[in-house]
Amino acid sequence: MPRLPTLMLVGWFTLLAATPSLQGQGPGASASPESAAASVAAAPTTGDMAAAAAPDAQQFDAEAATEAYMSKLSPEARARSDAYFEGGYWLLLWGFLYGVGVAWLLLATGLSARMRDLGERLTRIRWLQTAIYAVEYIVLTAILSFPLTLYQDFFREHGYGLSNQTFLQWMRDELVGLGVGVVFGAIALTLIYAVIRRSPRNWWLWGAGVGIVLVVIGATIAPVYIAPLFNRYEPLPESELRSQLLSMARANGIPADNVYVFDASKQSKRISANVSGMFGTVRISLNDNLMNRATPEEVRAVLGHEMGHYVLNHVYKGVVYFAVIIVVGFAVAKWAFERVTARTGERWGISGAGDVAGLPLLAVIFSAYIFLLTPVLNTMTRSAEAEADMFGLNAAREPDGFAQAALDLSEYRKMHPGPIEEFIFFDHPSGWNRIHRAMVWKGEEGR
């Protein structure tokens, strides 16, 4: 979806609330064009596991078993995935700086003020003026950000062999995403600016409240109404695997009577699944790549992890955690906006916080706030993912399936980062940590 700086907070929180799947969404997350067998060998054999055992045959050596799995990756495959994922670190910085540049262009040239003036000439209705500006802003920033988007999401993905889409197919998804952004962005900005104008002293608090409500609404409707705009969802045909997944769901109190498969293969070959939704829109979904590339043991392990997000209430806990971040973010935005506009507001044609022409400045402030919070936000998400990993191991009881799934994800995720690197950049546990956790579980359960 095109970068929409203003909606970054709302959109990002909404996506997180939808409980992203096992593969993660860290820097450079994407898919591989080869099958799992092409880059990752099959799970360790019985002989491999025997070799991993300690001299005492009764004692399972989790460390050796972890290394047995890691040795299945060729040096070339690890170097490639490391380079891809590490390149994502730089893209975080370039994306932030690019957004700052776009905002400066809109403010310093007076273009933002002229966009506001156009809305005022077209109508005297204040909320409609805001909506008109929002449409202008979202479309224009998408156009100005297109060079970076094109490189990052199309050329770079193809350069690493991580995309199945032609340019026209990719553009179709981009335009659909832009359409969604225009509709929901215009609504969100109209509501937020109405609050700012009505409560000029405490708009940061009321604006944060509106943002939180939008997060909840987005997490509720996204699985049912937005996701199908990009992929086709169909019920998983009757099979033993379907029965096992629904049985696991019932055993863990998940109110789902169906499992859906979506055609992610038209975009990539990333394996993924999710249990998403809130307030009656809960849906268990897995993509066709997971069905076609993974063993039943892997599928059960991945879905066990996803069910953990639901059972452990990660959606609702996430809303609470991020609500705090949103409130603090709005408070920071008010403080910084007032100080910057005291010096430059007249030159940029901004009359105050309620002036929609100041939106690019607010976007920069929020972007800087989120950028600086990257380690905190990643740690929050990574902790929830680690909890879901443990739940999945206990629910599915497929440690080798889980370890093999972690290997499959090595196609685009660095497997064994340093501790500081993982703390800052990883929003999911590293592949090595996930395999090691699974092997420790296997050793303890086998006693």
Protein backbone atom coordinates (compact mmCIF):
# COMPACT_ATOMS: atom_id res chain seq x y z
CA MET A 1 0.00 0.00 0.00
CA PRO A 2 1.39 3.47 -0.77
CA ARG A 3 3.03 5.30 2.11
CA LEU A 4 0.55 7.60 3.81
CA PRO A 5 2.54 9.46 6.48
CA THR A 6 -0.49 10.98 8.17
CA LEU A 7 -2.25 7.67 8.55
CA MET A 8 0.85 5.78 9.58
CA LEU A 9 -0.19 5.54 13.21
CA VAL A 10 -3.76 4.44 12.58
CA GLY A 11 -2.88 2.06 9.77
CA TRP A 12 0.07 0.58 11.59
CA PHE A 13 -1.87 -0.04 14.77
CA THR A 14 -4.71 -1.57 12.76
CA LEU A 15 -2.37 -4.00 11.08
CA LEU A 16 -0.80 -4.98 14.38
CA ALA A 17 -4.20 -5.48 15.94
CA ALA A 18 -4.98 -7.97 13.19
CA THR A 19 -2.36 -10.29 14.77
CA PRO A 20 0.19 -10.72 12.00
CA SER A 21 1.16 -14.25 11.14
CA LEU A 22 4.21 -16.27 12.05
CA GLN A 23 6.33 -14.86 9.25
CA GLY A 24 6.51 -11.37 10.78
CA GLN A 25 6.58 -7.95 9.23
CA GLY A 26 10.04 -6.71 10.08
CA PRO A 27 12.43 -4.88 7.77
CA GLY A 28 12.35 -6.41 4.34
CA ALA A 29 9.74 -9.06 5.12
CA SER A 30 8.68 -10.76 1.92
CA ALA A 31 8.54 -14.09 0.18
CA SER A 32 10.77 -16.43 -1.78
CA PRO A 33 10.17 -17.62 -5.35
CA GLU A 34 11.63 -21.05 -4.76
CA SER A 35 9.85 -23.89 -3.02
CA ALA A 36 10.81 -24.71 0.52
CA ALA A 37 12.85 -27.64 -0.73
CA ALA A 38 14.88 -25.42 -3.01
CA SER A 39 16.44 -23.34 -0.26
CA VAL A 40 15.84 -25.29 2.92
CA ALA A 41 16.35 -29.02 3.22
CA ALA A 42 13.75 -31.21 4.86
CA ALA A 43 13.54 -31.42 8.63
CA PRO A 44 16.36 -33.34 10.28
CA THR A 45 15.99 -37.07 9.96
CA THR A 46 15.93 -39.57 12.78
CA GLY A 47 19.63 -40.03 12.21
CA ASP A 48 20.20 -36.30 12.54
CA MET A 49 18.34 -36.25 15.82
CA ALA A 50 20.28 -39.24 17.07
CA ALA A 51 23.49 -37.42 16.26
CA ALA A 52 22.18 -34.43 18.19
CA ALA A 53 21.60 -36.47 21.32
CA ALA A 54 23.99 -36.39 24.23
CA PRO A 55 26.04 -39.52 25.09
CA ASP A 56 23.27 -40.38 27.50
CA ALA A 57 20.60 -41.56 25.05
CA GLN A 58 17.92 -40.55 27.53
CA GLN A 59 19.01 -36.89 27.44
CA PHE A 60 17.95 -34.84 24.41
CA ASP A 61 20.47 -32.15 23.53
CA ALA A 62 18.45 -29.07 22.51
CA GLU A 63 21.57 -27.09 21.58
CA ALA A 64 22.83 -29.77 19.21
CA ALA A 65 19.36 -30.28 17.77
CA THR A 66 19.09 -26.55 17.07
CA GLU A 67 22.43 -26.59 15.26
CA ALA A 68 21.29 -29.64 13.30
CA TYR A 69 18.40 -27.59 11.94
CA MET A 70 20.56 -24.53 11.31
CA SER A 71 23.04 -26.64 9.35
CA LYS A 72 20.32 -27.36 6.82
CA LEU A 73 20.76 -23.80 5.53
CA SER A 74 23.48 -23.33 2.97
CA PRO A 75 25.97 -20.47 3.50
CA GLU A 76 24.68 -18.88 0.30
CA ALA A 77 21.06 -18.97 1.48
CA ARG A 78 21.97 -17.43 4.84
CA ALA A 79 24.07 -14.70 3.24
CA ARG A 80 21.25 -13.81 0.88
CA SER A 81 18.56 -13.60 3.57
CA ASP A 82 20.91 -11.68 5.88
CA ALA A 83 21.64 -9.12 3.16
CA TYR A 84 17.97 -8.70 2.35
CA PHE A 85 16.87 -8.29 5.94
CA GLU A 86 19.74 -6.00 6.90
CA GLY A 87 18.93 -3.82 3.90
CA GLY A 88 15.58 -3.27 5.55
CA TYR A 89 17.33 -1.50 8.42
CA TRP A 90 18.50 1.20 6.04
CA LEU A 91 15.10 1.42 4.42
CA LEU A 92 13.63 2.36 7.80
CA LEU A 93 15.96 5.37 7.85
CA TRP A 94 15.56 6.29 4.18
CA GLY A 95 11.80 6.00 4.42
CA PHE A 96 11.72 8.35 7.37
CA LEU A 97 14.02 10.89 5.71
CA TYR A 98 12.10 10.67 2.44
CA GLY A 99 8.87 11.41 4.31
CA VAL A 100 10.49 14.42 5.96
CA GLY A 101 11.54 15.66 2.54
CA VAL A 102 8.02 15.32 1.14
CA ALA A 103 6.57 17.21 4.11
CA TRP A 104 9.16 20.00 3.78
CA LEU A 105 8.32 20.34 0.09
CA LEU A 106 4.60 20.76 0.84
CA LEU A 107 5.21 23.29 3.61
CA ALA A 108 8.13 25.35 2.32
CA THR A 109 6.65 25.86 -1.16
CA GLY A 110 3.26 26.84 0.24
CA LEU A 111 1.67 23.95 -1.64
CA SER A 112 -0.07 22.67 1.48
CA ALA A 113 -1.63 26.08 2.08
CA ARG A 114 -2.80 26.26 -1.55
CA MET A 115 -4.39 22.81 -1.21
CA ARG A 116 -6.30 24.08 1.84
CA ASP A 117 -7.36 27.21 -0.07
CA LEU A 118 -8.73 25.08 -2.89
CA GLY A 119 -11.01 23.23 -0.48
CA GLU A 120 -12.22 26.52 0.95
CA ARG A 121 -13.03 27.83 -2.52
CA LEU A 122 -15.00 24.71 -3.41
CA THR A 123 -17.23 24.69 -0.33
CA ARG A 124 -18.04 26.61 2.84
CA ILE A 125 -18.70 23.44 4.83
CA ARG A 126 -15.73 23.07 7.18
CA TRP A 127 -15.70 19.30 7.50
CA LEU A 128 -15.97 18.95 3.72
CA GLN A 129 -13.03 21.31 3.29
CA THR A 130 -10.99 18.97 5.48
CA ALA A 131 -12.09 15.93 3.50
CA ILE A 132 -11.11 17.62 0.22
CA TYR A 133 -7.68 18.50 1.60
CA ALA A 134 -7.28 14.93 2.91
CA VAL A 135 -7.92 13.48 -0.55
CA GLU A 136 -5.45 15.92 -2.09
CA TYR A 137 -2.84 15.18 0.54
CA ILE A 138 -3.13 11.38 0.39
CA VAL A 139 -2.99 11.23 -3.40
CA LEU A 140 -0.16 13.76 -3.68
CA THR A 141 2.02 12.15 -1.00
CA ALA A 142 1.46 8.76 -2.64
CA ILE A 143 2.67 10.22 -5.95
CA LEU A 144 5.68 11.95 -4.39
CA SER A 145 6.57 8.79 -2.46
CA PHE A 146 6.14 6.56 -5.50
CA PRO A 147 9.84 6.40 -6.49
CA LEU A 148 10.79 4.96 -3.09
CA THR A 149 7.73 2.71 -3.06
CA LEU A 150 8.57 1.42 -6.53
CA TYR A 151 12.14 0.61 -5.56
CA GLN A 152 11.34 -0.90 -2.17
CA ASP A 153 8.24 -2.92 -3.01
CA PHE A 154 8.79 -3.84 -6.65
CA PHE A 155 12.36 -3.61 -7.93
CA ARG A 156 14.02 -4.68 -4.70
CA GLU A 157 11.60 -7.56 -4.23
CA HIS A 158 12.23 -8.78 -7.77
CA GLY A 159 15.96 -8.21 -7.39
CA TYR A 160 16.00 -10.69 -4.51
CA GLY A 161 13.54 -12.97 -6.28
CA LEU A 162 10.87 -12.33 -3.70
CA SER A 163 7.84 -11.38 -5.80
CA ASN A 164 5.52 -13.17 -8.20
CA GLN A 165 3.78 -10.07 -9.51
CA THR A 166 4.15 -8.35 -12.83
CA PHE A 167 4.30 -4.57 -12.76
CA LEU A 168 0.63 -4.28 -13.75
CA GLN A 169 -0.45 -6.72 -11.04
CA TRP A 170 1.61 -4.85 -8.48
CA MET A 171 0.18 -1.51 -9.59
CA ARG A 172 -3.33 -2.89 -9.27
CA ASP A 173 -2.73 -3.68 -5.59
CA GLU A 174 -1.11 -0.29 -5.07
CA LEU A 175 -4.09 1.51 -6.56
CA VAL A 176 -6.55 -0.54 -4.51
CA GLY A 177 -4.53 0.32 -1.42
CA LEU A 178 -4.55 3.98 -2.40
CA GLY A 179 -8.33 3.86 -2.80
CA VAL A 180 -8.72 2.35 0.66
CA GLY A 181 -6.37 4.99 2.06
CA VAL A 182 -8.31 7.81 0.45
CA VAL A 183 -11.67 6.66 1.82
CA PHE A 184 -10.60 5.80 5.35
CA GLY A 185 -7.98 8.55 5.50
CA ALA A 186 -10.48 11.24 4.58
CA ILE A 187 -12.87 10.00 7.26
CA ALA A 188 -10.14 9.74 9.90
CA LEU A 189 -8.66 13.17 9.21
CA THR A 190 -12.07 14.83 9.10
CA LEU A 191 -12.91 13.44 12.53
CA ILE A 192 -9.54 14.29 14.05
CA TYR A 193 -9.54 17.87 12.77
CA ALA A 194 -13.12 18.36 13.96
CA VAL A 195 -11.90 17.43 17.44
CA ILE A 196 -8.87 19.73 17.18
CA ARG A 197 -11.04 22.72 16.26
CA ARG A 198 -13.64 22.04 18.91
CA SER A 199 -11.11 21.62 21.74
CA PRO A 200 -8.03 23.73 20.91
CA ARG A 201 -6.49 23.29 24.37
CA ASN A 202 -7.08 19.55 24.88
CA TRP A 203 -7.24 18.36 21.28
CA TRP A 204 -4.32 16.00 21.85
CA LEU A 205 -6.37 13.97 24.31
CA TRP A 206 -9.61 13.90 22.32
CA GLY A 207 -7.72 13.32 19.09
CA ALA A 208 -5.99 10.33 20.66
CA GLY A 209 -9.42 9.00 21.66
CA VAL A 210 -10.62 9.22 18.07
CA GLY A 211 -7.45 7.46 16.91
CA ILE A 212 -8.00 4.60 19.35
CA VAL A 213 -11.60 4.15 18.22
CA LEU A 214 -10.42 4.05 14.60
CA VAL A 215 -7.89 1.35 15.51
CA VAL A 216 -10.62 -0.84 16.99
CA ILE A 217 -12.92 -0.30 14.02
CA GLY A 218 -10.10 -1.07 11.60
CA ALA A 219 -9.15 -4.29 13.39
CA THR A 220 -12.79 -5.36 13.35
CA ILE A 221 -13.59 -4.74 9.69
CA ALA A 222 -10.20 -5.38 8.06
CA PRO A 223 -10.37 -9.21 7.92
CA VAL A 224 -13.89 -9.25 6.46
CA TYR A 225 -14.04 -6.18 4.22
CA ILE A 226 -10.51 -5.00 3.38
CA ALA A 227 -8.42 -8.15 3.07
CA PRO A 228 -10.71 -9.61 0.33
CA LEU A 229 -9.94 -6.56 -1.82
CA PHE A 230 -6.44 -7.97 -2.30
CA ASN A 231 -7.00 -11.73 -2.14
CA ARG A 232 -9.75 -14.26 -2.68
CA TYR A 233 -10.82 -16.16 0.45
CA GLU A 234 -12.41 -19.59 0.13
CA PRO A 235 -13.30 -22.25 2.70
CA LEU A 236 -10.68 -24.94 3.14
CA PRO A 237 -12.10 -28.15 1.60
CA GLU A 238 -13.09 -31.00 3.86
CA SER A 239 -10.01 -32.94 4.90
CA GLU A 240 -8.33 -34.48 7.90
CA LEU A 241 -6.19 -31.35 8.27
CA ARG A 242 -9.26 -29.10 8.29
CA SER A 243 -10.86 -31.25 10.99
CA GLN A 244 -7.66 -31.13 13.06
CA LEU A 245 -7.44 -27.33 12.81
CA LEU A 246 -11.07 -26.82 13.81
CA SER A 247 -10.66 -29.32 16.64
CA MET A 248 -7.65 -27.33 17.89
CA ALA A 249 -9.70 -24.15 17.66
CA ARG A 250 -12.62 -25.62 19.62
CA ALA A 251 -10.29 -27.05 22.25
CA ASN A 252 -8.91 -23.55 22.84
CA GLY A 253 -12.23 -21.68 22.87
CA ILE A 254 -11.92 -20.00 19.47
CA PRO A 255 -15.40 -19.24 18.02
CA ALA A 256 -14.67 -20.22 14.43
CA ASP A 257 -16.60 -22.81 12.45
CA ASN A 258 -14.57 -22.60 9.26
CA VAL A 259 -11.02 -22.26 7.99
CA TYR A 260 -10.30 -20.07 4.98
CA VAL A 261 -7.56 -20.24 2.36
CA PHE A 262 -6.49 -17.14 0.46
CA ASP A 263 -4.52 -16.92 -2.79
CA ALA A 264 -1.36 -15.16 -1.64
CA SER A 265 0.59 -17.08 -4.29
CA LYS A 266 -0.48 -14.53 -6.90
CA GLN A 267 1.70 -12.02 -5.05
CA SER A 268 4.48 -14.11 -3.51
CA LYS A 269 5.33 -17.49 -2.03
CA ARG A 270 5.44 -16.36 1.57
CA ILE A 271 3.85 -18.80 3.98
CA SER A 272 1.44 -17.18 6.40
CA ALA A 273 -1.70 -17.64 8.44
CA ASN A 274 -3.68 -15.63 10.95
CA VAL A 275 -6.54 -15.68 13.41
CA SER A 276 -7.81 -12.14 13.05
CA GLY A 277 -10.78 -9.94 13.86
CA MET A 278 -12.68 -8.66 16.88
CA PHE A 279 -16.25 -8.67 18.17
CA GLY A 280 -17.68 -11.49 16.08
CA THR A 281 -15.47 -11.12 13.01
CA VAL A 282 -12.90 -13.72 14.11
CA ARG A 283 -11.56 -15.65 11.14
CA ILE A 284 -8.97 -18.43 10.81
CA SER A 285 -7.07 -18.00 7.54
CA LEU A 286 -4.04 -19.57 5.94
CA ASN A 287 -2.61 -18.83 2.55
CA ASP A 288 -2.26 -21.26 -0.30
CA ASN A 289 1.52 -21.17 -0.05
CA LEU A 290 1.37 -22.67 3.41
CA MET A 291 -0.95 -25.38 2.09
CA ASN A 292 1.23 -26.13 -0.93
CA ARG A 293 4.71 -25.77 0.53
CA ALA A 294 4.43 -26.99 4.09
CA THR A 295 3.79 -30.36 5.67
CA PRO A 296 0.66 -30.94 7.78
CA GLU A 297 2.93 -30.79 10.85
CA GLU A 298 4.10 -27.31 9.86
CA VAL A 299 0.55 -26.16 9.17
CA ARG A 300 -0.63 -27.31 12.58
CA ALA A 301 2.37 -25.66 14.24
CA VAL A 302 1.79 -22.34 12.46
CA LEU A 303 -1.95 -22.32 13.19
CA GLY A 304 -1.26 -23.22 16.82
CA HIS A 305 0.87 -20.09 17.02
CA GLU A 306 -1.83 -17.97 15.42
CA MET A 307 -4.50 -19.33 17.74
CA GLY A 308 -2.26 -18.31 20.60
CA HIS A 309 -2.70 -14.67 19.62
CA TYR A 310 -6.46 -15.03 20.00
CA VAL A 311 -6.50 -17.08 23.20
CA LEU A 312 -3.93 -14.83 24.88
CA ASN A 313 -5.99 -11.75 23.92
CA HIS A 314 -3.12 -10.12 22.07
CA VAL A 315 -5.50 -8.06 19.95
CA TYR A 316 -7.13 -6.46 22.99
CA LYS A 317 -3.88 -6.14 24.93
CA GLY A 318 -2.32 -4.57 21.87
CA VAL A 319 -5.06 -1.98 21.67
CA VAL A 320 -4.41 -1.04 25.31
CA TYR A 321 -0.64 -0.86 24.86
CA PHE A 322 -0.84 1.14 21.68
CA ALA A 323 -3.54 3.39 23.13
CA VAL A 324 -0.93 4.62 25.59
CA ILE A 325 1.51 5.21 22.73
CA ILE A 326 -1.15 7.05 20.75
CA VAL A 327 -2.01 9.34 23.70
CA VAL A 328 1.64 10.15 24.32
CA GLY A 329 2.15 10.65 20.59
CA PHE A 330 -0.65 13.19 20.37
CA ALA A 331 0.72 15.01 23.42
CA VAL A 332 4.17 15.15 21.81
CA ALA A 333 2.58 16.33 18.55
CA LYS A 334 0.79 19.21 20.29
CA TRP A 335 3.94 20.30 22.10
CA ALA A 336 6.17 20.13 19.03
CA PHE A 337 3.60 21.60 16.64
CA GLU A 338 3.09 24.71 18.77
CA ARG A 339 6.82 25.35 19.06
CA VAL A 340 7.58 24.89 15.39
CA THR A 341 4.65 26.96 14.13
CA ALA A 342 5.48 29.77 16.56
CA ARG A 343 8.56 30.37 14.39
CA THR A 344 7.49 29.18 10.94
CA GLY A 345 3.68 29.08 10.93
CA GLU A 346 3.20 32.46 9.26
CA ARG A 347 5.80 31.70 6.60
CA TRP A 348 4.14 28.37 5.80
CA GLY A 349 0.63 29.81 5.89
CA ILE A 350 -0.46 27.82 8.95
CA SER A 351 -2.77 29.60 11.38
CA GLY A 352 -2.83 26.96 14.13
CA ALA A 353 -3.33 23.31 14.99
CA GLY A 354 -6.86 23.37 13.57
CA ASP A 355 -5.55 24.51 10.18
CA VAL A 356 -5.42 21.45 7.96
CA ALA A 357 -2.52 22.97 6.03
CA GLY A 358 -0.35 22.00 9.00
CA LEU A 359 -0.97 18.30 8.38
CA PRO A 360 2.48 17.65 6.82
CA LEU A 361 4.11 19.00 9.97
CA LEU A 362 2.00 16.74 12.18
CA ALA A 363 2.92 13.83 9.91
CA VAL A 364 6.63 14.53 10.39
CA ILE A 365 6.25 14.78 14.16
CA PHE A 366 4.39 11.47 14.35
CA SER A 367 6.89 9.84 11.99
CA ALA A 368 9.83 10.96 14.14
CA TYR A 369 8.04 9.77 17.28
CA ILE A 370 7.41 6.30 15.83
CA PHE A 371 10.90 6.12 14.33
CA LEU A 372 12.50 6.76 17.72
CA LEU A 373 10.17 4.22 19.36
CA THR A 374 11.16 1.46 16.92
CA PRO A 375 12.96 -0.69 19.55
CA VAL A 376 10.08 -0.29 22.02
CA LEU A 377 7.39 -1.14 19.49
CA ASN A 378 9.36 -4.09 18.17
CA THR A 379 9.91 -5.40 21.69
CA MET A 380 6.20 -5.18 22.46
CA THR A 381 5.32 -7.15 19.34
CA ARG A 382 8.20 -9.60 19.72
CA SER A 383 7.15 -10.41 23.29
CA ALA A 384 3.62 -11.21 22.14
CA GLU A 385 5.00 -13.37 19.33
CA ALA A 386 7.18 -15.29 21.78
CA GLU A 387 4.11 -15.95 23.95
CA ALA A 388 2.21 -17.19 20.90
CA ASP A 389 5.15 -19.44 20.00
CA MET A 390 4.95 -21.17 23.38
CA PHE A 391 1.19 -21.47 23.18
CA GLY A 392 1.47 -22.99 19.71
CA LEU A 393 4.00 -25.56 20.83
CA ASN A 394 1.72 -26.67 23.65
CA ALA A 395 -1.44 -26.60 21.53
CA ALA A 396 -0.17 -28.27 18.36
CA ARG A 397 2.61 -30.34 19.94
CA GLU A 398 4.61 -30.14 16.72
CA PRO A 399 8.11 -28.92 17.68
CA ASP A 400 9.72 -30.20 14.50
CA GLY A 401 6.97 -28.72 12.37
CA PHE A 402 7.49 -25.40 14.13
CA ALA A 403 11.26 -25.55 13.66
CA GLN A 404 10.89 -26.38 9.97
CA ALA A 405 8.48 -23.46 9.51
CA ALA A 406 11.09 -21.17 11.08
CA LEU A 407 13.61 -22.48 8.55
CA ASP A 408 11.22 -21.76 5.69
CA LEU A 409 11.04 -18.17 6.85
CA SER A 410 14.81 -17.87 6.59
CA GLU A 411 14.32 -17.08 2.92
CA TYR A 412 13.77 -13.44 3.87
CA ARG A 413 14.52 -13.16 7.59
CA LYS A 414 17.92 -13.15 9.25
CA MET A 415 18.16 -16.30 11.31
CA HIS A 416 20.78 -15.55 13.99
CA PRO A 417 21.25 -11.85 14.78
CA GLY A 418 23.13 -10.45 17.71
CA PRO A 419 21.10 -9.60 20.85
CA ILE A 420 21.23 -5.82 20.32
CA GLU A 421 20.31 -6.21 16.66
CA GLU A 422 17.34 -8.39 17.56
CA PHE A 423 16.22 -5.96 20.25
CA ILE A 424 16.22 -2.98 17.89
CA PHE A 425 15.06 -4.38 14.56
CA PHE A 426 13.17 -7.65 15.11
CA ASP A 427 9.43 -7.55 15.69
CA HIS A 428 9.42 -11.37 15.92
CA PRO A 429 11.86 -13.70 17.65
CA SER A 430 14.74 -14.66 15.38
CA GLY A 431 14.66 -17.98 13.59
CA TRP A 432 17.41 -19.39 15.78
CA ASN A 433 15.55 -18.48 18.95
CA ARG A 434 12.35 -20.05 17.64
CA ILE A 435 14.06 -23.30 16.67
CA HIS A 436 15.91 -23.41 19.98
CA ARG A 437 12.67 -22.84 21.90
CA ALA A 438 11.02 -25.67 19.98
CA MET A 439 13.93 -28.03 20.66
CA VAL A 440 13.95 -27.19 24.38
CA TRP A 441 10.21 -27.94 24.44
CA LYS A 442 10.81 -31.21 22.61
CA GLY A 443 13.52 -32.26 25.04
CA GLU A 444 11.47 -31.48 28.12
CA GLU A 445 8.32 -33.13 26.80
CA GLY A 446 10.29 -36.25 25.92
CA ARG A 447 11.53 -36.78 29.47
